[in-house]
PDB file of N, CA and C in Angstrom:
ATOM      1  N   UNK A   1       0.851  -1.162   0.000  1.00  0.00           N
ATOM      2  CA  UNK A   1       0.000   0.000   0.000  1.00  0.00           C
ATOM      3  C   UNK A   1       0.906   1.238   0.000  1.00  0.00           C
ATOM      4  N   UNK A   2       0.642   2.152  -0.936  1.00  0.00           N
ATOM      5  CA  UNK A   2       1.462   3.359  -0.967  1.00  0.00           C
ATOM      6  C   UNK A   2       0.956   4.367   0.067  1.00  0.00           C
ATOM      7  N   UNK A   3       1.745   5.407   0.298  1.00  0.00           N
ATOM      8  CA  UNK A   3       1.389   6.353   1.358  1.00  0.00           C
ATOM      9  C   UNK A   3       0.128   7.140   1.037  1.00  0.00           C
ATOM     10  N   UNK A   4      -0.123   7.461  -0.235  1.00  0.00           N
ATOM     11  CA  UNK A   4      -1.357   8.171  -0.592  1.00  0.00           C
ATOM     12  C   UNK A   4      -2.579   7.317  -0.260  1.00  0.00           C
ATOM     13  N   UNK A   5      -2.509   6.035  -0.608  1.00  0.00           N
ATOM     14  CA  UNK A   5      -3.623   5.136  -0.311  1.00  0.00           C
ATOM     15  C   UNK A   5      -3.807   4.999   1.197  1.00  0.00           C
ATOM     16  N   UNK A   6      -2.713   4.815   1.910  1.00  0.00           N
ATOM     17  CA  UNK A   6      -2.787   4.665   3.364  1.00  0.00           C
ATOM     18  C   UNK A   6      -3.397   5.910   4.004  1.00  0.00           C
ATOM     19  N   UNK A   7      -2.995   7.074   3.534  1.00  0.00           N
ATOM     20  CA  UNK A   7      -3.521   8.323   4.089  1.00  0.00           C
ATOM     21  C   UNK A   7      -5.019   8.450   3.810  1.00  0.00           C
ATOM     22  N   UNK A   8      -5.438   8.113   2.593  1.00  0.00           N
ATOM     23  CA  UNK A   8      -6.863   8.161   2.250  1.00  0.00           C
ATOM     24  C   UNK A   8      -7.660   7.208   3.136  1.00  0.00           C
ATOM     25  N   UNK A   9      -7.187   5.982   3.270  1.00  0.00           N
ATOM     26  CA  UNK A   9      -7.901   4.995   4.079  1.00  0.00           C
ATOM     27  C   UNK A   9      -7.975   5.422   5.543  1.00  0.00           C
ATOM     28  N   UNK A  10      -6.893   5.983   6.065  1.00  0.00           N
ATOM     29  CA  UNK A  10      -6.917   6.477   7.445  1.00  0.00           C
ATOM     30  C   UNK A  10      -7.933   7.606   7.595  1.00  0.00           C
ATOM     31  N   UNK A  11      -7.979   8.499   6.615  1.00  0.00           N
ATOM     32  CA  UNK A  11      -8.927   9.616   6.672  1.00  0.00           C
ATOM     33  C   UNK A  11     -10.367   9.107   6.649  1.00  0.00           C
ATOM     34  N   UNK A  12     -10.661   8.148   5.765  1.00  0.00           N
ATOM     35  CA  UNK A  12     -12.020   7.610   5.686  1.00  0.00           C
ATOM     36  C   UNK A  12     -12.394   6.862   6.964  1.00  0.00           C
ATOM     37  N   UNK A  13     -11.452   6.135   7.531  1.00  0.00           N
ATOM     38  CA  UNK A  13     -11.727   5.408   8.776  1.00  0.00           C
ATOM     39  C   UNK A  13     -11.965   6.357   9.948  1.00  0.00           C
ATOM     40  N   UNK A  14     -11.455   7.568   9.864  1.00  0.00           N
ATOM     41  CA  UNK A  14     -11.631   8.535  10.944  1.00  0.00           C
ATOM     42  C   UNK A  14     -13.034   9.140  10.959  1.00  0.00           C
ATOM     43  N   UNK A  15     -13.775   8.978   9.882  1.00  0.00           N
ATOM     44  CA  UNK A  15     -15.133   9.525   9.802  1.00  0.00           C
ATOM     45  C   UNK A  15     -16.053   8.636  10.620  1.00  0.00           C
ATOM     46  N   UNK A  16     -16.804   9.249  11.529  1.00  0.00           N
ATOM     47  CA  UNK A  16     -17.605   8.445  12.450  1.00  0.00           C
ATOM     48  C   UNK A  16     -19.111   8.655  12.333  1.00  0.00           C
ATOM     49  N   UNK A  17     -19.559   9.311  11.257  1.00  0.00           N
ATOM     50  CA  UNK A  17     -21.008   9.465  11.097  1.00  0.00           C
ATOM     51  C   UNK A  17     -21.373   9.603   9.621  1.00  0.00           C
ATOM     52  N   UNK A  18     -22.581   9.185   9.262  1.00  0.00           N
ATOM     53  CA  UNK A  18     -23.002   9.181   7.857  1.00  0.00           C
ATOM     54  C   UNK A  18     -23.013  10.564   7.207  1.00  0.00           C
ATOM     55  N   UNK A  19     -23.346  11.602   7.966  1.00  0.00           N
ATOM     56  CA  UNK A  19     -23.396  12.948   7.387  1.00  0.00           C
ATOM     57  C   UNK A  19     -22.021  13.386   6.912  1.00  0.00           C
ATOM     58  N   UNK A  20     -21.019  13.214   7.756  1.00  0.00           N
ATOM     59  CA  UNK A  20     -19.660  13.588   7.360  1.00  0.00           C
ATOM     60  C   UNK A  20     -19.150  12.703   6.227  1.00  0.00           C
ATOM     61  N   UNK A  21     -19.475  11.404   6.266  1.00  0.00           N
ATOM     62  CA  UNK A  21     -19.044  10.510   5.191  1.00  0.00           C
ATOM     63  C   UNK A  21     -19.657  10.949   3.867  1.00  0.00           C
ATOM     64  N   UNK A  22     -20.941  11.289   3.875  1.00  0.00           N
ATOM     65  CA  UNK A  22     -21.605  11.747   2.652  1.00  0.00           C
ATOM     66  C   UNK A  22     -20.916  12.998   2.113  1.00  0.00           C
ATOM     67  N   UNK A  23     -20.572  13.915   3.007  1.00  0.00           N
ATOM     68  CA  UNK A  23     -19.923  15.154   2.574  1.00  0.00           C
ATOM     69  C   UNK A  23     -18.543  14.883   1.980  1.00  0.00           C
ATOM     70  N   UNK A  24     -17.766  14.038   2.626  1.00  0.00           N
ATOM     71  CA  UNK A  24     -16.422  13.733   2.121  1.00  0.00           C
ATOM     72  C   UNK A  24     -16.504  12.998   0.787  1.00  0.00           C
ATOM     73  N   UNK A  25     -17.382  11.989   0.703  1.00  0.00           N
ATOM     74  CA  UNK A  25     -17.527  11.278  -0.573  1.00  0.00           C
ATOM     75  C   UNK A  25     -18.029  12.223  -1.661  1.00  0.00           C
ATOM     76  N   UNK A  26     -18.893  13.166  -1.293  1.00  0.00           N
ATOM     77  CA  UNK A  26     -19.364  14.168  -2.248  1.00  0.00           C
ATOM     78  C   UNK A  26     -18.236  15.059  -2.746  1.00  0.00           C
ATOM     79  N   UNK A  27     -17.255  15.313  -1.892  1.00  0.00           N
ATOM     80  CA  UNK A  27     -16.085  16.093  -2.300  1.00  0.00           C
ATOM     81  C   UNK A  27     -15.160  15.293  -3.210  1.00  0.00           C
ATOM     82  N   UNK A  28     -15.018  14.005  -2.924  1.00  0.00           N
ATOM     83  CA  UNK A  28     -14.045  13.173  -3.637  1.00  0.00           C
ATOM     84  C   UNK A  28     -14.564  12.594  -4.944  1.00  0.00           C
ATOM     85  N   UNK A  29     -15.870  12.324  -5.010  1.00  0.00           N
ATOM     86  CA  UNK A  29     -16.441  11.624  -6.158  1.00  0.00           C
ATOM     87  C   UNK A  29     -17.356  12.541  -6.955  1.00  0.00           C
ATOM     88  N   UNK A  30     -17.434  12.287  -8.255  1.00  0.00           N
ATOM     89  CA  UNK A  30     -18.435  12.979  -9.056  1.00  0.00           C
ATOM     90  C   UNK A  30     -19.802  12.414  -8.691  1.00  0.00           C
ATOM     91  N   UNK A  31     -20.842  13.099  -9.105  1.00  0.00           N
ATOM     92  CA  UNK A  31     -22.198  12.616  -8.828  1.00  0.00           C
ATOM     93  C   UNK A  31     -22.405  11.226  -9.433  1.00  0.00           C
ATOM     94  N   UNK A  32     -21.908  11.007 -10.652  1.00  0.00           N
ATOM     95  CA  UNK A  32     -22.103   9.693 -11.286  1.00  0.00           C
ATOM     96  C   UNK A  32     -21.286   8.612 -10.583  1.00  0.00           C
ATOM     97  N   UNK A  33     -20.093   8.938 -10.099  1.00  0.00           N
ATOM     98  CA  UNK A  33     -19.302   7.959  -9.345  1.00  0.00           C
ATOM     99  C   UNK A  33     -19.997   7.600  -8.030  1.00  0.00           C
ATOM    100  N   UNK A  34     -20.555   8.597  -7.363  1.00  0.00           N
ATOM    101  CA  UNK A  34     -21.261   8.357  -6.105  1.00  0.00           C
ATOM    102  C   UNK A  34     -22.496   7.496  -6.347  1.00  0.00           C
ATOM    103  N   UNK A  35     -23.226   7.796  -7.421  1.00  0.00           N
ATOM    104  CA  UNK A  35     -24.406   7.004  -7.774  1.00  0.00           C
ATOM    105  C   UNK A  35     -24.013   5.571  -8.103  1.00  0.00           C
ATOM    106  N   UNK A  36     -22.918   5.391  -8.834  1.00  0.00           N
ATOM    107  CA  UNK A  36     -22.443   4.043  -9.173  1.00  0.00           C
ATOM    108  C   UNK A  36     -22.070   3.270  -7.910  1.00  0.00           C
ATOM    109  N   UNK A  37     -21.446   3.932  -6.964  1.00  0.00           N
ATOM    110  CA  UNK A  37     -21.086   3.290  -5.699  1.00  0.00           C
ATOM    111  C   UNK A  37     -22.338   2.865  -4.934  1.00  0.00           C
ATOM    112  N   UNK A  38     -23.340   3.734  -4.907  1.00  0.00           N
ATOM    113  CA  UNK A  38     -24.608   3.393  -4.252  1.00  0.00           C
ATOM    114  C   UNK A  38     -25.254   2.181  -4.922  1.00  0.00           C
ATOM    115  N   UNK A  39     -25.231   2.147  -6.256  1.00  0.00           N
ATOM    116  CA  UNK A  39     -25.829   1.019  -6.988  1.00  0.00           C
ATOM    117  C   UNK A  39     -25.097  -0.276  -6.680  1.00  0.00           C
ATOM    118  N   UNK A  40     -23.771  -0.221  -6.649  1.00  0.00           N
ATOM    119  CA  UNK A  40     -22.995  -1.432  -6.352  1.00  0.00           C
ATOM    120  C   UNK A  40     -23.338  -1.964  -4.968  1.00  0.00           C
ATOM    121  N   UNK A  41     -23.444  -1.074  -3.997  1.00  0.00           N
ATOM    122  CA  UNK A  41     -23.783  -1.505  -2.637  1.00  0.00           C
ATOM    123  C   UNK A  41     -25.195  -2.078  -2.607  1.00  0.00           C
ATOM    124  N   UNK A  42     -26.127  -1.424  -3.308  1.00  0.00           N
ATOM    125  CA  UNK A  42     -27.514  -1.912  -3.352  1.00  0.00           C
ATOM    126  C   UNK A  42     -27.573  -3.305  -3.971  1.00  0.00           C
ATOM    127  N   UNK A  43     -26.794  -3.529  -5.024  1.00  0.00           N
ATOM    128  CA  UNK A  43     -26.752  -4.846  -5.667  1.00  0.00           C
ATOM    129  C   UNK A  43     -26.297  -5.901  -4.660  1.00  0.00           C
ATOM    130  N   UNK A  44     -25.231  -5.611  -3.935  1.00  0.00           N
ATOM    131  CA  UNK A  44     -24.711  -6.577  -2.963  1.00  0.00           C
ATOM    132  C   UNK A  44     -25.719  -6.843  -1.847  1.00  0.00           C
ATOM    133  N   UNK A  45     -26.404  -5.799  -1.389  1.00  0.00           N
ATOM    134  CA  UNK A  45     -27.416  -5.980  -0.331  1.00  0.00           C
ATOM    135  C   UNK A  45     -28.576  -6.837  -0.820  1.00  0.00           C
ATOM    136  N   UNK A  46     -29.033  -6.598  -2.045  1.00  0.00           N
ATOM    137  CA  UNK A  46     -30.137  -7.388  -2.590  1.00  0.00           C
ATOM    138  C   UNK A  46     -29.714  -8.839  -2.811  1.00  0.00           C
ATOM    139  N   UNK A  47     -28.484  -9.044  -3.267  1.00  0.00           N
ATOM    140  CA  UNK A  47     -27.975 -10.409  -3.414  1.00  0.00           C
ATOM    141  C   UNK A  47     -27.954 -11.102  -2.058  1.00  0.00           C
ATOM    142  N   UNK A  48     -27.500 -10.388  -1.041  1.00  0.00           N
ATOM    143  CA  UNK A  48     -27.461 -10.962   0.311  1.00  0.00           C
ATOM    144  C   UNK A  48     -28.855 -11.362   0.773  1.00  0.00           C
ATOM    145  N   UNK A  49     -29.858 -10.597   0.356  1.00  0.00           N
ATOM    146  CA  UNK A  49     -31.242 -10.883   0.745  1.00  0.00           C
ATOM    147  C   UNK A  49     -31.884 -11.974  -0.103  1.00  0.00           C
ATOM    148  N   UNK A  50     -31.137 -12.507  -1.083  1.00  0.00           N
ATOM    149  CA  UNK A  50     -31.646 -13.607  -1.893  1.00  0.00           C
ATOM    150  C   UNK A  50     -32.499 -13.195  -3.079  1.00  0.00           C
ATOM    151  N   UNK A  51     -32.474 -11.921  -3.448  1.00  0.00           N
ATOM    152  CA  UNK A  51     -33.248 -11.458  -4.602  1.00  0.00           C
ATOM    153  C   UNK A  51     -32.587 -11.999  -5.873  1.00  0.00           C
ATOM    154  N   UNK A  52     -33.370 -12.551  -6.807  1.00  0.00           N
ATOM    155  CA  UNK A  52     -32.798 -13.082  -8.047  1.00  0.00           C
ATOM    156  C   UNK A  52     -32.071 -11.994  -8.854  1.00  0.00           C
ATOM    157  N   UNK A  53     -31.027 -12.413  -9.549  1.00  0.00           N
ATOM    158  CA  UNK A  53     -30.185 -11.472 -10.279  1.00  0.00           C
ATOM    159  C   UNK A  53     -30.959 -10.643 -11.303  1.00  0.00           C
ATOM    160  N   UNK A  54     -31.827 -11.269 -12.066  1.00  0.00           N
ATOM    161  CA  UNK A  54     -32.590 -10.514 -13.072  1.00  0.00           C
ATOM    162  C   UNK A  54     -33.508  -9.483 -12.422  1.00  0.00           C
ATOM    163  N   UNK A  55     -34.073  -9.835 -11.284  1.00  0.00           N
ATOM    164  CA  UNK A  55     -34.925  -8.895 -10.547  1.00  0.00           C
ATOM    165  C   UNK A  55     -34.104  -7.709 -10.046  1.00  0.00           C
ATOM    166  N   UNK A  56     -32.895  -7.980  -9.589  1.00  0.00           N
ATOM    167  CA  UNK A  56     -32.018  -6.898  -9.126  1.00  0.00           C
ATOM    168  C   UNK A  56     -31.701  -5.956 -10.276  1.00  0.00           C
ATOM    169  N   UNK A  57     -31.334  -6.509 -11.422  1.00  0.00           N
ATOM    170  CA  UNK A  57     -31.023  -5.676 -12.587  1.00  0.00           C
ATOM    171  C   UNK A  57     -32.223  -4.813 -12.958  1.00  0.00           C
ATOM    172  N   UNK A  58     -33.415  -5.389 -12.881  1.00  0.00           N
ATOM    173  CA  UNK A  58     -34.624  -4.630 -13.208  1.00  0.00           C
ATOM    174  C   UNK A  58     -34.851  -3.513 -12.185  1.00  0.00           C
ATOM    175  N   UNK A  59     -34.725  -3.839 -10.913  1.00  0.00           N
ATOM    176  CA  UNK A  59     -34.960  -2.846  -9.850  1.00  0.00           C
ATOM    177  C   UNK A  59     -33.952  -1.710  -9.873  1.00  0.00           C
ATOM    178  N   UNK A  60     -32.702  -2.066 -10.025  1.00  0.00           N
ATOM    179  CA  UNK A  60     -31.622  -1.087  -9.945  1.00  0.00           C
ATOM    180  C   UNK A  60     -31.478  -0.306 -11.250  1.00  0.00           C
ATOM    181  N   UNK A  61     -31.893  -0.923 -12.343  1.00  0.00           N
ATOM    182  CA  UNK A  61     -31.708  -0.278 -13.634  1.00  0.00           C
ATOM    183  C   UNK A  61     -30.295  -0.455 -14.157  1.00  0.00           C
ATOM    184  N   UNK A  62     -29.619  -1.464 -13.667  1.00  0.00           N
ATOM    185  CA  UNK A  62     -28.259  -1.744 -14.107  1.00  0.00           C
ATOM    186  C   UNK A  62     -28.223  -2.949 -15.018  1.00  0.00           C
ATOM    187  N   UNK A  63     -27.029  -3.288 -15.440  1.00  0.00           N
ATOM    188  CA  UNK A  63     -26.888  -4.430 -16.338  1.00  0.00           C
ATOM    189  C   UNK A  63     -26.807  -5.727 -15.535  1.00  0.00           C
ATOM    190  N   UNK A  64     -27.247  -6.793 -16.161  1.00  0.00           N
ATOM    191  CA  UNK A  64     -27.154  -8.112 -15.548  1.00  0.00           C
ATOM    192  C   UNK A  64     -25.685  -8.484 -15.319  1.00  0.00           C
ATOM    193  N   UNK A  65     -24.787  -7.992 -16.175  1.00  0.00           N
ATOM    194  CA  UNK A  65     -23.347  -8.266 -16.006  1.00  0.00           C
ATOM    195  C   UNK A  65     -22.840  -7.722 -14.668  1.00  0.00           C
ATOM    196  N   UNK A  66     -23.276  -6.511 -14.298  1.00  0.00           N
ATOM    197  CA  UNK A  66     -22.853  -5.936 -13.014  1.00  0.00           C
ATOM    198  C   UNK A  66     -23.392  -6.746 -11.843  1.00  0.00           C
ATOM    199  N   UNK A  67     -24.623  -7.218 -11.975  1.00  0.00           N
ATOM    200  CA  UNK A  67     -25.226  -8.018 -10.911  1.00  0.00           C
ATOM    201  C   UNK A  67     -24.500  -9.356 -10.799  1.00  0.00           C
ATOM    202  N   UNK A  68     -24.179  -9.962 -11.934  1.00  0.00           N
ATOM    203  CA  UNK A  68     -23.454 -11.234 -11.939  1.00  0.00           C
ATOM    204  C   UNK A  68     -22.076 -11.070 -11.306  1.00  0.00           C
ATOM    205  N   UNK A  69     -21.417  -9.964 -11.591  1.00  0.00           N
ATOM    206  CA  UNK A  69     -20.117  -9.685 -10.975  1.00  0.00           C
ATOM    207  C   UNK A  69     -20.273  -9.606  -9.456  1.00  0.00           C
ATOM    208  N   UNK A  70     -21.324  -8.927  -9.005  1.00  0.00           N
ATOM    209  CA  UNK A  70     -21.586  -8.838  -7.569  1.00  0.00           C
ATOM    210  C   UNK A  70     -21.860 -10.199  -6.953  1.00  0.00           C
ATOM    211  N   UNK A  71     -22.603 -11.037  -7.673  1.00  0.00           N
ATOM    212  CA  UNK A  71     -22.919 -12.379  -7.171  1.00  0.00           C
ATOM    213  C   UNK A  71     -21.647 -13.210  -7.029  1.00  0.00           C
ATOM    214  N   UNK A  72     -20.761 -13.096  -8.003  1.00  0.00           N
ATOM    215  CA  UNK A  72     -19.489 -13.827  -7.942  1.00  0.00           C
ATOM    216  C   UNK A  72     -18.674 -13.333  -6.735  1.00  0.00           C
ATOM    217  N   UNK A  73     -18.676 -12.039  -6.516  1.00  0.00           N
ATOM    218  CA  UNK A  73     -17.966 -11.464  -5.379  1.00  0.00           C
ATOM    219  C   UNK A  73     -18.536 -11.982  -4.058  1.00  0.00           C
ATOM    220  N   UNK A  74     -19.869 -11.997  -3.940  1.00  0.00           N
ATOM    221  CA  UNK A  74     -20.511 -12.413  -2.689  1.00  0.00           C
ATOM    222  C   UNK A  74     -20.310 -13.904  -2.396  1.00  0.00           C
ATOM    223  N   UNK A  75     -20.045 -14.705  -3.424  1.00  0.00           N
ATOM    224  CA  UNK A  75     -19.781 -16.139  -3.210  1.00  0.00           C
ATOM    225  C   UNK A  75     -18.377 -16.388  -2.681  1.00  0.00           C
ATOM    226  N   UNK A  76     -17.510 -15.399  -2.807  1.00  0.00           N
ATOM    227  CA  UNK A  76     -16.131 -15.536  -2.354  1.00  0.00           C
ATOM    228  C   UNK A  76     -16.095 -15.440  -0.823  1.00  0.00           C
ATOM    229  N   UNK A  77     -15.594 -16.462  -0.140  1.00  0.00           N
ATOM    230  CA  UNK A  77     -15.553 -16.430   1.328  1.00  0.00           C
ATOM    231  C   UNK A  77     -14.742 -15.254   1.882  1.00  0.00           C
ATOM    232  N   UNK A  78     -13.847 -14.696   1.083  1.00  0.00           N
ATOM    233  CA  UNK A  78     -13.018 -13.580   1.537  1.00  0.00           C
ATOM    234  C   UNK A  78     -13.631 -12.217   1.202  1.00  0.00           C
ATOM    235  N   UNK A  79     -14.889 -12.184   0.820  1.00  0.00           N
ATOM    236  CA  UNK A  79     -15.548 -10.935   0.415  1.00  0.00           C
ATOM    237  C   UNK A  79     -15.659  -9.976   1.606  1.00  0.00           C
ATOM    238  N   UNK A  80     -14.930  -8.881   1.541  1.00  0.00           N
ATOM    239  CA  UNK A  80     -14.944  -7.893   2.625  1.00  0.00           C
ATOM    240  C   UNK A  80     -16.300  -7.207   2.736  1.00  0.00           C
ATOM    241  N   UNK A  81     -16.983  -7.010   1.617  1.00  0.00           N
ATOM    242  CA  UNK A  81     -18.300  -6.362   1.644  1.00  0.00           C
ATOM    243  C   UNK A  81     -19.315  -7.225   2.382  1.00  0.00           C
ATOM    244  N   UNK A  82     -19.281  -8.523   2.146  1.00  0.00           N
ATOM    245  CA  UNK A  82     -20.193  -9.434   2.846  1.00  0.00           C
ATOM    246  C   UNK A  82     -19.898  -9.430   4.345  1.00  0.00           C
ATOM    247  N   UNK A  83     -18.627  -9.394   4.698  1.00  0.00           N
ATOM    248  CA  UNK A  83     -18.254  -9.349   6.116  1.00  0.00           C
ATOM    249  C   UNK A  83     -18.739  -8.054   6.760  1.00  0.00           C
ATOM    250  N   UNK A  84     -18.631  -6.949   6.041  1.00  0.00           N
ATOM    251  CA  UNK A  84     -19.110  -5.668   6.562  1.00  0.00           C
ATOM    252  C   UNK A  84     -20.621  -5.693   6.741  1.00  0.00           C
ATOM    253  N   UNK A  85     -21.339  -6.240   5.761  1.00  0.00           N
ATOM    254  CA  UNK A  85     -22.798  -6.347   5.876  1.00  0.00           C
ATOM    255  C   UNK A  85     -23.184  -7.174   7.099  1.00  0.00           C
ATOM    256  N   UNK A  86     -22.482  -8.266   7.316  1.00  0.00           N
ATOM    257  CA  UNK A  86     -22.781  -9.138   8.459  1.00  0.00           C
ATOM    258  C   UNK A  86     -22.532  -8.413   9.777  1.00  0.00           C
ATOM    259  N   UNK A  87     -21.520  -7.570   9.792  1.00  0.00           N
ATOM    260  CA  UNK A  87     -21.225  -6.807  11.010  1.00  0.00           C
ATOM    261  C   UNK A  87     -22.292  -5.737  11.256  1.00  0.00           C
ATOM    262  N   UNK A  88     -22.760  -5.096  10.175  1.00  0.00           N
ATOM    263  CA  UNK A  88     -23.772  -4.044  10.304  1.00  0.00           C
ATOM    264  C   UNK A  88     -25.161  -4.601  10.572  1.00  0.00           C
ATOM    265  N   UNK A  89     -25.444  -5.765   9.991  1.00  0.00           N
ATOM    266  CA  UNK A  89     -26.769  -6.388  10.114  1.00  0.00           C
ATOM    267  C   UNK A  89     -26.557  -7.886  10.237  1.00  0.00           C
ATOM    268  N   UNK A  90     -26.460  -8.405  11.458  1.00  0.00           N
ATOM    269  CA  UNK A  90     -26.040  -9.793  11.655  1.00  0.00           C
ATOM    270  C   UNK A  90     -27.063 -10.868  11.323  1.00  0.00           C
ATOM    271  N   UNK A  91     -28.187 -10.513  10.689  1.00  0.00           N
ATOM    272  CA  UNK A  91     -29.158 -11.559  10.323  1.00  0.00           C
ATOM    273  C   UNK A  91     -28.524 -12.513   9.321  1.00  0.00           C
ATOM    274  N   UNK A  92     -29.008 -13.721   9.244  1.00  0.00           N
ATOM    275  CA  UNK A  92     -28.413 -14.692   8.316  1.00  0.00           C
ATOM    276  C   UNK A  92     -28.631 -14.276   6.866  1.00  0.00           C
ATOM    277  N   UNK A  93     -27.642 -14.554   6.052  1.00  0.00           N
ATOM    278  CA  UNK A  93     -27.762 -14.302   4.614  1.00  0.00           C
ATOM    279  C   UNK A  93     -28.675 -15.336   3.997  1.00  0.00           C
ATOM    280  N   UNK A  94     -29.266 -14.961   2.863  1.00  0.00           N
ATOM    281  CA  UNK A  94     -30.069 -15.923   2.102  1.00  0.00           C
ATOM    282  C   UNK A  94     -29.140 -16.999   1.569  1.00  0.00           C
ATOM    283  N   UNK A  95     -29.637 -18.211   1.384  1.00  0.00           N
ATOM    284  CA  UNK A  95     -28.796 -19.273   0.817  1.00  0.00           C
ATOM    285  C   UNK A  95     -28.272 -18.863  -0.549  1.00  0.00           C
ATOM    286  N   UNK A  96     -27.038 -19.213  -0.815  1.00  0.00           N
ATOM    287  CA  UNK A  96     -26.425 -18.876  -2.107  1.00  0.00           C
ATOM    288  C   UNK A  96     -26.528 -20.071  -3.036  1.00  0.00           C
ATOM    289  N   UNK A  97     -26.989 -19.814  -4.266  1.00  0.00           N
ATOM    290  CA  UNK A  97     -27.103 -20.937  -5.220  1.00  0.00           C
ATOM    291  C   UNK A  97     -25.762 -21.454  -5.663  1.00  0.00           C
TER     292      UNK A  97
END
């Protein structure tokens, strides 16, 4: 990890509330980048809830390829996003096909 990356990660970890995080991400990302990040997170949450991939693509308005990529990620036991979701909401995940 280079020092720029380490500094960015330390700065983001120092944020302790959603309002400040929204403001910082709004400063760092374009509106379309922020929207894309929200969509990616929504895809992962819906996959965790067991929503079928085609239904997710329809709901989110994204491509099935993006949803499939998310599904492949969520099947990986080392998926950091899945671990974060479990920490934030410890209910059991839907069974994975």
